[in-house]
């Protein structure tokens, strides 16, 4: 049986992971307002049953909130969560023409996530 793994995310990696999951789960969770973009989690909080991707989104958001002043944070991911996150990143990479630095960041993060399985 595969054990959960500790992943250290830079803030940039965590933001990219969150954006990829939001785009897959429900892009309307990103609200554009006068102060920029905010993440509206209320629709998820009202749901009686969350999908694995929605649970992972909440987990990563929680890690971001807890460690936001830091330059990195550590998150424990199951093999399934790592695979879900890798798949979300791959899906978003295929749909968007990201700048080269974001593509490199995503590719490196996906490689680390795949290595955990």
PDB file of N, CA and C in Angstrom:
ATOM      1  N   UNK A   1       0.829  -1.187   0.000  1.00  0.00           N
ATOM      2  CA  UNK A   1       0.000   0.000   0.000  1.00  0.00           C
ATOM      3  C   UNK A   1       0.873   1.250   0.000  1.00  0.00           C
ATOM      4  N   UNK A   2       0.525   2.220  -0.823  1.00  0.00           N
ATOM      5  CA  UNK A   2       1.296   3.449  -0.919  1.00  0.00           C
ATOM      6  C   UNK A   2       0.970   4.367   0.247  1.00  0.00           C
ATOM      7  N   UNK A   3       2.019   4.915   0.806  1.00  0.00           N
ATOM      8  CA  UNK A   3       1.881   5.814   1.947  1.00  0.00           C
ATOM      9  C   UNK A   3       1.747   7.256   1.472  1.00  0.00           C
ATOM     10  N   UNK A   4       1.069   8.098   2.237  1.00  0.00           N
ATOM     11  CA  UNK A   4       1.041   9.526   1.907  1.00  0.00           C
ATOM     12  C   UNK A   4       2.460  10.092   1.922  1.00  0.00           C
ATOM     13  N   UNK A   5       2.673  11.129   1.141  1.00  0.00           N
ATOM     14  CA  UNK A   5       3.983  11.764   1.046  1.00  0.00           C
ATOM     15  C   UNK A   5       3.885  13.224   1.443  1.00  0.00           C
ATOM     16  N   UNK A   6       4.975  13.712   2.004  1.00  0.00           N
ATOM     17  CA  UNK A   6       5.087  15.124   2.337  1.00  0.00           C
ATOM     18  C   UNK A   6       5.599  15.863   1.099  1.00  0.00           C
ATOM     19  N   UNK A   7       4.903  16.896   0.700  1.00  0.00           N
ATOM     20  CA  UNK A   7       5.328  17.720  -0.428  1.00  0.00           C
ATOM     21  C   UNK A   7       5.590  19.125   0.059  1.00  0.00           C
ATOM     22  N   UNK A   8       6.754  19.629  -0.279  1.00  0.00           N
ATOM     23  CA  UNK A   8       7.057  21.021   0.015  1.00  0.00           C
ATOM     24  C   UNK A   8       6.735  21.824  -1.236  1.00  0.00           C
ATOM     25  N   UNK A   9       5.856  22.799  -1.079  1.00  0.00           N
ATOM     26  CA  UNK A   9       5.440  23.668  -2.163  1.00  0.00           C
ATOM     27  C   UNK A   9       5.992  25.063  -1.927  1.00  0.00           C
ATOM     28  N   UNK A  10       6.548  25.663  -2.971  1.00  0.00           N
ATOM     29  CA  UNK A  10       6.830  27.089  -2.886  1.00  0.00           C
ATOM     30  C   UNK A  10       5.480  27.794  -3.004  1.00  0.00           C
ATOM     31  N   UNK A  11       5.450  29.070  -2.681  1.00  0.00           N
ATOM     32  CA  UNK A  11       4.206  29.825  -2.815  1.00  0.00           C
ATOM     33  C   UNK A  11       3.743  29.814  -4.269  1.00  0.00           C
ATOM     34  N   UNK A  12       4.671  29.973  -5.208  1.00  0.00           N
ATOM     35  CA  UNK A  12       4.307  29.949  -6.629  1.00  0.00           C
ATOM     36  C   UNK A  12       3.700  28.612  -7.027  1.00  0.00           C
ATOM     37  N   UNK A  13       4.294  27.512  -6.548  1.00  0.00           N
ATOM     38  CA  UNK A  13       3.757  26.186  -6.865  1.00  0.00           C
ATOM     39  C   UNK A  13       2.366  25.997  -6.271  1.00  0.00           C
ATOM     40  N   UNK A  14       2.198  26.470  -5.049  1.00  0.00           N
ATOM     41  CA  UNK A  14       0.903  26.317  -4.390  1.00  0.00           C
ATOM     42  C   UNK A  14      -0.174  27.136  -5.102  1.00  0.00           C
ATOM     43  N   UNK A  15       0.160  28.339  -5.525  1.00  0.00           N
ATOM     44  CA  UNK A  15      -0.798  29.157  -6.276  1.00  0.00           C
ATOM     45  C   UNK A  15      -1.142  28.476  -7.591  1.00  0.00           C
ATOM     46  N   UNK A  16      -0.145  27.957  -8.290  1.00  0.00           N
ATOM     47  CA  UNK A  16      -0.393  27.251  -9.552  1.00  0.00           C
ATOM     48  C   UNK A  16      -1.266  26.018  -9.320  1.00  0.00           C
ATOM     49  N   UNK A  17      -0.991  25.269  -8.267  1.00  0.00           N
ATOM     50  CA  UNK A  17      -1.797  24.089  -7.940  1.00  0.00           C
ATOM     51  C   UNK A  17      -3.243  24.485  -7.643  1.00  0.00           C
ATOM     52  N   UNK A  18      -3.416  25.545  -6.866  1.00  0.00           N
ATOM     53  CA  UNK A  18      -4.765  26.013  -6.549  1.00  0.00           C
ATOM     54  C   UNK A  18      -5.507  26.461  -7.804  1.00  0.00           C
ATOM     55  N   UNK A  19      -4.847  27.224  -8.652  1.00  0.00           N
ATOM     56  CA  UNK A  19      -5.494  27.696  -9.884  1.00  0.00           C
ATOM     57  C   UNK A  19      -5.882  26.518 -10.762  1.00  0.00           C
ATOM     58  N   UNK A  20      -5.011  25.532 -10.885  1.00  0.00           N
ATOM     59  CA  UNK A  20      -5.337  24.383 -11.739  1.00  0.00           C
ATOM     60  C   UNK A  20      -6.535  23.620 -11.185  1.00  0.00           C
ATOM     61  N   UNK A  21      -6.583  23.435  -9.874  1.00  0.00           N
ATOM     62  CA  UNK A  21      -7.732  22.730  -9.285  1.00  0.00           C
ATOM     63  C   UNK A  21      -9.015  23.550  -9.406  1.00  0.00           C
ATOM     64  N   UNK A  22      -8.916  24.852  -9.210  1.00  0.00           N
ATOM     65  CA  UNK A  22     -10.100  25.704  -9.334  1.00  0.00           C
ATOM     66  C   UNK A  22     -10.648  25.621 -10.756  1.00  0.00           C
ATOM     67  N   UNK A  23      -9.760  25.685 -11.734  1.00  0.00           N
ATOM     68  CA  UNK A  23     -10.190  25.622 -13.137  1.00  0.00           C
ATOM     69  C   UNK A  23     -10.873  24.299 -13.451  1.00  0.00           C
ATOM     70  N   UNK A  24     -10.430  23.224 -12.816  1.00  0.00           N
ATOM     71  CA  UNK A  24     -11.027  21.905 -13.049  1.00  0.00           C
ATOM     72  C   UNK A  24     -12.314  21.735 -12.250  1.00  0.00           C
ATOM     73  N   UNK A  25     -12.304  22.166 -11.001  1.00  0.00           N
ATOM     74  CA  UNK A  25     -13.457  21.978 -10.112  1.00  0.00           C
ATOM     75  C   UNK A  25     -14.609  22.897 -10.504  1.00  0.00           C
ATOM     76  N   UNK A  26     -14.347  24.202 -10.532  1.00  0.00           N
ATOM     77  CA  UNK A  26     -15.403  25.175 -10.846  1.00  0.00           C
ATOM     78  C   UNK A  26     -14.765  26.547 -11.028  1.00  0.00           C
ATOM     79  N   UNK A  27     -14.528  26.951 -12.277  1.00  0.00           N
ATOM     80  CA  UNK A  27     -13.873  28.241 -12.518  1.00  0.00           C
ATOM     81  C   UNK A  27     -14.626  29.435 -11.933  1.00  0.00           C
ATOM     82  N   UNK A  28     -15.919  29.285 -11.674  1.00  0.00           N
ATOM     83  CA  UNK A  28     -16.672  30.414 -11.121  1.00  0.00           C
ATOM     84  C   UNK A  28     -16.310  30.692  -9.658  1.00  0.00           C
ATOM     85  N   UNK A  29     -15.515  29.817  -9.046  1.00  0.00           N
ATOM     86  CA  UNK A  29     -15.059  30.076  -7.683  1.00  0.00           C
ATOM     87  C   UNK A  29     -14.098  31.261  -7.630  1.00  0.00           C
ATOM     88  N   UNK A  30     -13.480  31.592  -8.769  1.00  0.00           N
ATOM     89  CA  UNK A  30     -12.617  32.766  -8.851  1.00  0.00           C
ATOM     90  C   UNK A  30     -13.485  33.963  -9.194  1.00  0.00           C
ATOM     91  N   UNK A  31     -13.559  34.901  -8.286  1.00  0.00           N
ATOM     92  CA  UNK A  31     -14.384  36.096  -8.459  1.00  0.00           C
ATOM     93  C   UNK A  31     -13.480  37.296  -8.744  1.00  0.00           C
ATOM     94  N   UNK A  32     -13.798  38.034  -9.802  1.00  0.00           N
ATOM     95  CA  UNK A  32     -13.039  39.230 -10.145  1.00  0.00           C
ATOM     96  C   UNK A  32     -13.741  40.438  -9.540  1.00  0.00           C
ATOM     97  N   UNK A  33     -12.992  41.190  -8.775  1.00  0.00           N
ATOM     98  CA  UNK A  33     -13.558  42.358  -8.122  1.00  0.00           C
ATOM     99  C   UNK A  33     -12.623  43.538  -8.215  1.00  0.00           C
ATOM    100  N   UNK A  34     -12.970  44.638  -7.556  1.00  0.00           N
ATOM    101  CA  UNK A  34     -12.150  45.853  -7.631  1.00  0.00           C
ATOM    102  C   UNK A  34     -10.764  45.680  -7.004  1.00  0.00           C
ATOM    103  N   UNK A  35     -10.635  44.739  -6.084  1.00  0.00           N
ATOM    104  CA  UNK A  35      -9.348  44.509  -5.429  1.00  0.00           C
ATOM    105  C   UNK A  35      -8.573  43.361  -6.046  1.00  0.00           C
ATOM    106  N   UNK A  36      -9.012  42.884  -7.202  1.00  0.00           N
ATOM    107  CA  UNK A  36      -8.342  41.778  -7.865  1.00  0.00           C
ATOM    108  C   UNK A  36      -9.204  40.530  -7.845  1.00  0.00           C
ATOM    109  N   UNK A  37      -8.543  39.393  -7.860  1.00  0.00           N
ATOM    110  CA  UNK A  37      -9.234  38.112  -7.906  1.00  0.00           C
ATOM    111  C   UNK A  37      -9.298  37.512  -6.504  1.00  0.00           C
ATOM    112  N   UNK A  38     -10.477  37.015  -6.140  1.00  0.00           N
ATOM    113  CA  UNK A  38     -10.632  36.332  -4.862  1.00  0.00           C
ATOM    114  C   UNK A  38     -11.191  34.942  -5.101  1.00  0.00           C
ATOM    115  N   UNK A  39     -10.962  34.067  -4.159  1.00  0.00           N
ATOM    116  CA  UNK A  39     -11.474  32.711  -4.213  1.00  0.00           C
ATOM    117  C   UNK A  39     -12.695  32.619  -3.318  1.00  0.00           C
ATOM    118  N   UNK A  40     -13.829  32.298  -3.913  1.00  0.00           N
ATOM    119  CA  UNK A  40     -15.098  32.200  -3.185  1.00  0.00           C
ATOM    120  C   UNK A  40     -15.398  30.727  -2.922  1.00  0.00           C
ATOM    121  N   UNK A  41     -15.165  30.291  -1.693  1.00  0.00           N
ATOM    122  CA  UNK A  41     -15.358  28.882  -1.342  1.00  0.00           C
ATOM    123  C   UNK A  41     -16.739  28.566  -0.780  1.00  0.00           C
ATOM    124  N   UNK A  42     -17.552  29.571  -0.583  1.00  0.00           N
ATOM    125  CA  UNK A  42     -18.882  29.360   0.003  1.00  0.00           C
ATOM    126  C   UNK A  42     -19.711  28.302  -0.739  1.00  0.00           C
ATOM    127  N   UNK A  43     -19.708  28.297  -2.090  1.00  0.00           N
ATOM    128  CA  UNK A  43     -20.484  27.249  -2.776  1.00  0.00           C
ATOM    129  C   UNK A  43     -20.029  25.829  -2.413  1.00  0.00           C
ATOM    130  N   UNK A  44     -18.738  25.651  -2.219  1.00  0.00           N
ATOM    131  CA  UNK A  44     -18.249  24.329  -1.817  1.00  0.00           C
ATOM    132  C   UNK A  44     -18.653  23.997  -0.387  1.00  0.00           C
ATOM    133  N   UNK A  45     -18.609  24.987   0.472  1.00  0.00           N
ATOM    134  CA  UNK A  45     -18.922  24.757   1.881  1.00  0.00           C
ATOM    135  C   UNK A  45     -20.389  24.367   2.088  1.00  0.00           C
ATOM    136  N   UNK A  46     -21.245  24.762   1.161  1.00  0.00           N
ATOM    137  CA  UNK A  46     -22.671  24.429   1.272  1.00  0.00           C
ATOM    138  C   UNK A  46     -23.002  23.043   0.731  1.00  0.00           C
ATOM    139  N   UNK A  47     -22.072  22.443   0.005  1.00  0.00           N
ATOM    140  CA  UNK A  47     -22.349  21.135  -0.581  1.00  0.00           C
ATOM    141  C   UNK A  47     -22.313  20.046   0.495  1.00  0.00           C
ATOM    142  N   UNK A  48     -23.270  19.118   0.475  1.00  0.00           N
ATOM    143  CA  UNK A  48     -23.255  18.052   1.482  1.00  0.00           C
ATOM    144  C   UNK A  48     -22.148  17.022   1.240  1.00  0.00           C
ATOM    145  N   UNK A  49     -21.816  16.787  -0.020  1.00  0.00           N
ATOM    146  CA  UNK A  49     -20.779  15.814  -0.359  1.00  0.00           C
ATOM    147  C   UNK A  49     -19.820  16.438  -1.364  1.00  0.00           C
ATOM    148  N   UNK A  50     -18.541  16.391  -1.027  1.00  0.00           N
ATOM    149  CA  UNK A  50     -17.523  16.965  -1.896  1.00  0.00           C
ATOM    150  C   UNK A  50     -16.796  15.873  -2.671  1.00  0.00           C
ATOM    151  N   UNK A  51     -16.399  16.214  -3.889  1.00  0.00           N
ATOM    152  CA  UNK A  51     -15.612  15.287  -4.703  1.00  0.00           C
ATOM    153  C   UNK A  51     -14.180  15.260  -4.178  1.00  0.00           C
ATOM    154  N   UNK A  52     -13.398  14.258  -4.560  1.00  0.00           N
ATOM    155  CA  UNK A  52     -11.986  14.250  -4.157  1.00  0.00           C
ATOM    156  C   UNK A  52     -11.238  15.509  -4.599  1.00  0.00           C
ATOM    157  N   UNK A  53     -11.534  16.010  -5.788  1.00  0.00           N
ATOM    158  CA  UNK A  53     -10.868  17.231  -6.262  1.00  0.00           C
ATOM    159  C   UNK A  53     -11.257  18.435  -5.409  1.00  0.00           C
ATOM    160  N   UNK A  54     -12.512  18.513  -5.007  1.00  0.00           N
ATOM    161  CA  UNK A  54     -12.967  19.614  -4.155  1.00  0.00           C
ATOM    162  C   UNK A  54     -12.316  19.537  -2.778  1.00  0.00           C
ATOM    163  N   UNK A  55     -12.202  18.350  -2.234  1.00  0.00           N
ATOM    164  CA  UNK A  55     -11.535  18.179  -0.942  1.00  0.00           C
ATOM    165  C   UNK A  55     -10.067  18.575  -1.027  1.00  0.00           C
ATOM    166  N   UNK A  56      -9.424  18.205  -2.124  1.00  0.00           N
ATOM    167  CA  UNK A  56      -8.018  18.566  -2.313  1.00  0.00           C
ATOM    168  C   UNK A  56      -7.870  20.081  -2.437  1.00  0.00           C
ATOM    169  N   UNK A  57      -8.778  20.715  -3.138  1.00  0.00           N
ATOM    170  CA  UNK A  57      -8.764  22.169  -3.258  1.00  0.00           C
ATOM    171  C   UNK A  57      -8.845  22.823  -1.879  1.00  0.00           C
ATOM    172  N   UNK A  58      -9.750  22.349  -1.043  1.00  0.00           N
ATOM    173  CA  UNK A  58      -9.879  22.900   0.313  1.00  0.00           C
ATOM    174  C   UNK A  58      -8.626  22.636   1.146  1.00  0.00           C
ATOM    175  N   UNK A  59      -8.040  21.472   0.970  1.00  0.00           N
ATOM    176  CA  UNK A  59      -6.820  21.127   1.711  1.00  0.00           C
ATOM    177  C   UNK A  59      -5.672  22.072   1.332  1.00  0.00           C
ATOM    178  N   UNK A  60      -5.493  22.303   0.035  1.00  0.00           N
ATOM    179  CA  UNK A  60      -4.411  23.179  -0.404  1.00  0.00           C
ATOM    180  C   UNK A  60      -4.679  24.631  -0.013  1.00  0.00           C
ATOM    181  N   UNK A  61      -5.929  25.025  -0.087  1.00  0.00           N
ATOM    182  CA  UNK A  61      -6.282  26.391   0.329  1.00  0.00           C
ATOM    183  C   UNK A  61      -5.989  26.578   1.812  1.00  0.00           C
ATOM    184  N   UNK A  62      -6.300  25.579   2.611  1.00  0.00           N
ATOM    185  CA  UNK A  62      -6.021  25.634   4.040  1.00  0.00           C
ATOM    186  C   UNK A  62      -4.518  25.755   4.289  1.00  0.00           C
ATOM    187  N   UNK A  63      -3.724  24.996   3.563  1.00  0.00           N
ATOM    188  CA  UNK A  63      -2.266  25.065   3.708  1.00  0.00           C
ATOM    189  C   UNK A  63      -1.760  26.449   3.312  1.00  0.00           C
ATOM    190  N   UNK A  64      -2.343  27.012   2.271  1.00  0.00           N
ATOM    191  CA  UNK A  64      -1.965  28.354   1.824  1.00  0.00           C
ATOM    192  C   UNK A  64      -2.298  29.383   2.897  1.00  0.00           C
ATOM    193  N   UNK A  65      -3.481  29.272   3.482  1.00  0.00           N
ATOM    194  CA  UNK A  65      -3.897  30.213   4.534  1.00  0.00           C
ATOM    195  C   UNK A  65      -3.003  30.115   5.761  1.00  0.00           C
ATOM    196  N   UNK A  66      -2.658  28.874   6.142  1.00  0.00           N
ATOM    197  CA  UNK A  66      -1.846  28.665   7.344  1.00  0.00           C
ATOM    198  C   UNK A  66      -0.436  29.186   7.182  1.00  0.00           C
ATOM    199  N   UNK A  67       0.122  29.017   5.981  1.00  0.00           N
ATOM    200  CA  UNK A  67       1.527  29.349   5.767  1.00  0.00           C
ATOM    201  C   UNK A  67       1.733  30.526   4.828  1.00  0.00           C
ATOM    202  N   UNK A  68       0.710  31.344   4.616  1.00  0.00           N
ATOM    203  CA  UNK A  68       0.810  32.405   3.612  1.00  0.00           C
ATOM    204  C   UNK A  68       1.988  33.358   3.803  1.00  0.00           C
ATOM    205  N   UNK A  69       2.416  33.679   5.030  1.00  0.00           N
ATOM    206  CA  UNK A  69       3.564  34.581   5.111  1.00  0.00           C
ATOM    207  C   UNK A  69       4.893  33.886   4.789  1.00  0.00           C
ATOM    208  N   UNK A  70       4.891  32.581   4.720  1.00  0.00           N
ATOM    209  CA  UNK A  70       6.107  31.822   4.469  1.00  0.00           C
ATOM    210  C   UNK A  70       6.410  31.775   2.967  1.00  0.00           C
ATOM    211  N   UNK A  71       7.640  31.373   2.622  1.00  0.00           N
ATOM    212  CA  UNK A  71       8.002  31.233   1.213  1.00  0.00           C
ATOM    213  C   UNK A  71       7.684  29.833   0.702  1.00  0.00           C
ATOM    214  N   UNK A  72       7.372  28.898   1.630  1.00  0.00           N
ATOM    215  CA  UNK A  72       7.008  27.544   1.240  1.00  0.00           C
ATOM    216  C   UNK A  72       6.175  26.916   2.350  1.00  0.00           C
ATOM    217  N   UNK A  73       5.540  25.806   2.012  1.00  0.00           N
ATOM    218  CA  UNK A  73       4.793  25.063   3.022  1.00  0.00           C
ATOM    219  C   UNK A  73       4.814  23.590   2.660  1.00  0.00           C
ATOM    220  N   UNK A  74       4.581  22.767   3.658  1.00  0.00           N
ATOM    221  CA  UNK A  74       4.574  21.327   3.469  1.00  0.00           C
ATOM    222  C   UNK A  74       3.150  20.819   3.605  1.00  0.00           C
ATOM    223  N   UNK A  75       2.754  19.972   2.650  1.00  0.00           N
ATOM    224  CA  UNK A  75       1.411  19.399   2.632  1.00  0.00           C
ATOM    225  C   UNK A  75       1.546  17.897   2.467  1.00  0.00           C
ATOM    226  N   UNK A  76       0.792  17.142   3.257  1.00  0.00           N
ATOM    227  CA  UNK A  76       0.766  15.689   3.115  1.00  0.00           C
ATOM    228  C   UNK A  76      -0.299  15.327   2.087  1.00  0.00           C
ATOM    229  N   UNK A  77       0.126  14.628   1.037  1.00  0.00           N
ATOM    230  CA  UNK A  77      -0.789  14.200  -0.014  1.00  0.00           C
ATOM    231  C   UNK A  77      -0.780  12.691  -0.137  1.00  0.00           C
ATOM    232  N   UNK A  78      -1.966  12.118  -0.267  1.00  0.00           N
ATOM    233  CA  UNK A  78      -2.051  10.692  -0.575  1.00  0.00           C
ATOM    234  C   UNK A  78      -1.620  10.502  -2.028  1.00  0.00           C
ATOM    235  N   UNK A  79      -1.384   9.285  -2.417  1.00  0.00           N
ATOM    236  CA  UNK A  79      -1.032   8.992  -3.807  1.00  0.00           C
ATOM    237  C   UNK A  79      -2.149   9.463  -4.725  1.00  0.00           C
ATOM    238  N   UNK A  80      -3.393   9.234  -4.317  1.00  0.00           N
ATOM    239  CA  UNK A  80      -4.538   9.643  -5.135  1.00  0.00           C
ATOM    240  C   UNK A  80      -4.601  11.159  -5.277  1.00  0.00           C
ATOM    241  N   UNK A  81      -4.323  11.875  -4.181  1.00  0.00           N
ATOM    242  CA  UNK A  81      -4.330  13.338  -4.244  1.00  0.00           C
ATOM    243  C   UNK A  81      -3.214  13.851  -5.148  1.00  0.00           C
ATOM    244  N   UNK A  82      -2.033  13.256  -5.042  1.00  0.00           N
ATOM    245  CA  UNK A  82      -0.916  13.651  -5.910  1.00  0.00           C
ATOM    246  C   UNK A  82      -1.270  13.402  -7.369  1.00  0.00           C
ATOM    247  N   UNK A  83      -1.911  12.265  -7.647  1.00  0.00           N
ATOM    248  CA  UNK A  83      -2.323  11.965  -9.016  1.00  0.00           C
ATOM    249  C   UNK A  83      -3.385  12.941  -9.503  1.00  0.00           C
ATOM    250  N   UNK A  84      -4.341  13.286  -8.645  1.00  0.00           N
ATOM    251  CA  UNK A  84      -5.384  14.251  -9.000  1.00  0.00           C
ATOM    252  C   UNK A  84      -4.769  15.607  -9.324  1.00  0.00           C
ATOM    253  N   UNK A  85      -3.843  16.049  -8.496  1.00  0.00           N
ATOM    254  CA  UNK A  85      -3.209  17.334  -8.716  1.00  0.00           C
ATOM    255  C   UNK A  85      -2.380  17.322  -9.998  1.00  0.00           C
ATOM    256  N   UNK A  86      -1.654  16.251 -10.229  1.00  0.00           N
ATOM    257  CA  UNK A  86      -0.861  16.140 -11.463  1.00  0.00           C
ATOM    258  C   UNK A  86      -1.765  16.178 -12.682  1.00  0.00           C
ATOM    259  N   UNK A  87      -2.885  15.477 -12.627  1.00  0.00           N
ATOM    260  CA  UNK A  87      -3.830  15.456 -13.748  1.00  0.00           C
ATOM    261  C   UNK A  87      -4.438  16.843 -13.975  1.00  0.00           C
ATOM    262  N   UNK A  88      -4.740  17.553 -12.911  1.00  0.00           N
ATOM    263  CA  UNK A  88      -5.286  18.908 -13.037  1.00  0.00           C
ATOM    264  C   UNK A  88      -4.280  19.845 -13.687  1.00  0.00           C
ATOM    265  N   UNK A  89      -3.034  19.758 -13.253  1.00  0.00           N
ATOM    266  CA  UNK A  89      -1.989  20.580 -13.849  1.00  0.00           C
ATOM    267  C   UNK A  89      -1.827  20.259 -15.336  1.00  0.00           C
ATOM    268  N   UNK A  90      -1.832  18.978 -15.678  1.00  0.00           N
ATOM    269  CA  UNK A  90      -1.690  18.565 -17.079  1.00  0.00           C
ATOM    270  C   UNK A  90      -2.859  19.077 -17.917  1.00  0.00           C
ATOM    271  N   UNK A  91      -4.053  18.995 -17.370  1.00  0.00           N
ATOM    272  CA  UNK A  91      -5.239  19.441 -18.090  1.00  0.00           C
ATOM    273  C   UNK A  91      -5.171  20.940 -18.367  1.00  0.00           C
ATOM    274  N   UNK A  92      -4.775  21.704 -17.375  1.00  0.00           N
ATOM    275  CA  UNK A  92      -4.697  23.153 -17.542  1.00  0.00           C
ATOM    276  C   UNK A  92      -3.562  23.531 -18.491  1.00  0.00           C
ATOM    277  N   UNK A  93      -2.442  22.812 -18.414  1.00  0.00           N
ATOM    278  CA  UNK A  93      -1.336  23.061 -19.345  1.00  0.00           C
ATOM    279  C   UNK A  93      -1.792  22.872 -20.786  1.00  0.00           C
ATOM    280  N   UNK A  94      -2.615  21.859 -21.015  1.00  0.00           N
ATOM    281  CA  UNK A  94      -3.084  21.568 -22.372  1.00  0.00           C
ATOM    282  C   UNK A  94      -4.070  22.616 -22.873  1.00  0.00           C
ATOM    283  N   UNK A  95      -4.782  23.267 -21.965  1.00  0.00           N
ATOM    284  CA  UNK A  95      -5.807  24.231 -22.358  1.00  0.00           C
ATOM    285  C   UNK A  95      -5.302  25.665 -22.498  1.00  0.00           C
ATOM    286  N   UNK A  96      -4.220  25.982 -21.804  1.00  0.00           N
ATOM    287  CA  UNK A  96      -3.742  27.367 -21.774  1.00  0.00           C
ATOM    288  C   UNK A  96      -2.312  27.468 -22.281  1.00  0.00           C
ATOM    289  N   UNK A  97      -2.034  28.544 -22.950  1.00  0.00           N
ATOM    290  CA  UNK A  97      -0.684  28.815 -23.412  1.00  0.00           C
ATOM    291  C   UNK A  97       0.030  29.656 -22.358  1.00  0.00           C
ATOM    292  N   UNK A  98       0.487  28.985 -21.301  1.00  0.00           N
ATOM    293  CA  UNK A  98       1.153  29.677 -20.204  1.00  0.00           C
ATOM    294  C   UNK A  98       2.501  30.226 -20.671  1.00  0.00           C
ATOM    295  N   UNK A  99       2.988  31.247 -20.002  1.00  0.00           N
ATOM    296  CA  UNK A  99       4.349  31.726 -20.282  1.00  0.00           C
ATOM    297  C   UNK A  99       5.359  30.614 -19.977  1.00  0.00           C
ATOM    298  N   UNK A 100       6.554  30.674 -20.592  1.00  0.00           N
ATOM    299  CA  UNK A 100       7.547  29.603 -20.405  1.00  0.00           C
ATOM    300  C   UNK A 100       7.900  29.329 -18.941  1.00  0.00           C
ATOM    301  N   UNK A 101       8.009  30.370 -18.107  1.00  0.00           N
ATOM    302  CA  UNK A 101       8.373  30.133 -16.709  1.00  0.00           C
ATOM    303  C   UNK A 101       7.279  29.368 -15.964  1.00  0.00           C
ATOM    304  N   UNK A 102       6.018  29.639 -16.280  1.00  0.00           N
ATOM    305  CA  UNK A 102       4.915  28.912 -15.638  1.00  0.00           C
ATOM    306  C   UNK A 102       4.880  27.473 -16.144  1.00  0.00           C
ATOM    307  N   UNK A 103       5.159  27.267 -17.430  1.00  0.00           N
ATOM    308  CA  UNK A 103       5.207  25.905 -17.977  1.00  0.00           C
ATOM    309  C   UNK A 103       6.303  25.089 -17.288  1.00  0.00           C
ATOM    310  N   UNK A 104       7.463  25.708 -17.086  1.00  0.00           N
ATOM    311  CA  UNK A 104       8.563  25.006 -16.399  1.00  0.00           C
ATOM    312  C   UNK A 104       8.186  24.674 -14.960  1.00  0.00           C
ATOM    313  N   UNK A 105       7.577  25.624 -14.281  1.00  0.00           N
ATOM    314  CA  UNK A 105       7.139  25.404 -12.905  1.00  0.00           C
ATOM    315  C   UNK A 105       6.143  24.255 -12.839  1.00  0.00           C
ATOM    316  N   UNK A 106       5.175  24.256 -13.743  1.00  0.00           N
ATOM    317  CA  UNK A 106       4.167  23.199 -13.776  1.00  0.00           C
ATOM    318  C   UNK A 106       4.787  21.849 -14.096  1.00  0.00           C
ATOM    319  N   UNK A 107       5.672  21.816 -15.076  1.00  0.00           N
ATOM    320  CA  UNK A 107       6.318  20.549 -15.456  1.00  0.00           C
ATOM    321  C   UNK A 107       7.134  19.972 -14.308  1.00  0.00           C
ATOM    322  N   UNK A 108       7.869  20.830 -13.607  1.00  0.00           N
ATOM    323  CA  UNK A 108       8.672  20.367 -12.467  1.00  0.00           C
ATOM    324  C   UNK A 108       7.779  19.855 -11.339  1.00  0.00           C
ATOM    325  N   UNK A 109       6.697  20.558 -11.068  1.00  0.00           N
ATOM    326  CA  UNK A 109       5.776  20.122 -10.027  1.00  0.00           C
ATOM    327  C   UNK A 109       5.106  18.814 -10.419  1.00  0.00           C
ATOM    328  N   UNK A 110       4.682  18.706 -11.665  1.00  0.00           N
ATOM    329  CA  UNK A 110       4.061  17.447 -12.127  1.00  0.00           C
ATOM    330  C   UNK A 110       5.034  16.282 -12.001  1.00  0.00           C
ATOM    331  N   UNK A 111       6.291  16.489 -12.331  1.00  0.00           N
ATOM    332  CA  UNK A 111       7.296  15.421 -12.217  1.00  0.00           C
ATOM    333  C   UNK A 111       7.454  14.968 -10.770  1.00  0.00           C
ATOM    334  N   UNK A 112       7.487  15.911  -9.845  1.00  0.00           N
ATOM    335  CA  UNK A 112       7.579  15.542  -8.417  1.00  0.00           C
ATOM    336  C   UNK A 112       6.346  14.775  -7.962  1.00  0.00           C
ATOM    337  N   UNK A 113       5.174  15.209  -8.421  1.00  0.00           N
ATOM    338  CA  UNK A 113       3.936  14.534  -8.027  1.00  0.00           C
ATOM    339  C   UNK A 113       3.890  13.117  -8.602  1.00  0.00           C
ATOM    340  N   UNK A 114       4.305  12.944  -9.841  1.00  0.00           N
ATOM    341  CA  UNK A 114       4.292  11.611 -10.460  1.00  0.00           C
ATOM    342  C   UNK A 114       5.286  10.673  -9.786  1.00  0.00           C
ATOM    343  N   UNK A 115       6.387  11.211  -9.314  1.00  0.00           N
ATOM    344  CA  UNK A 115       7.403  10.388  -8.662  1.00  0.00           C
ATOM    345  C   UNK A 115       6.914   9.803  -7.343  1.00  0.00           C
ATOM    346  N   UNK A 116       5.870  10.399  -6.775  1.00  0.00           N
ATOM    347  CA  UNK A 116       5.362   9.919  -5.478  1.00  0.00           C
ATOM    348  C   UNK A 116       4.568   8.641  -5.614  1.00  0.00           C
ATOM    349  N   UNK A 117       4.066   8.363  -6.806  1.00  0.00           N
ATOM    350  CA  UNK A 117       3.197   7.208  -7.012  1.00  0.00           C
ATOM    351  C   UNK A 117       3.969   6.015  -7.377  1.00  0.00           C
TER     352      UNK A 117
END
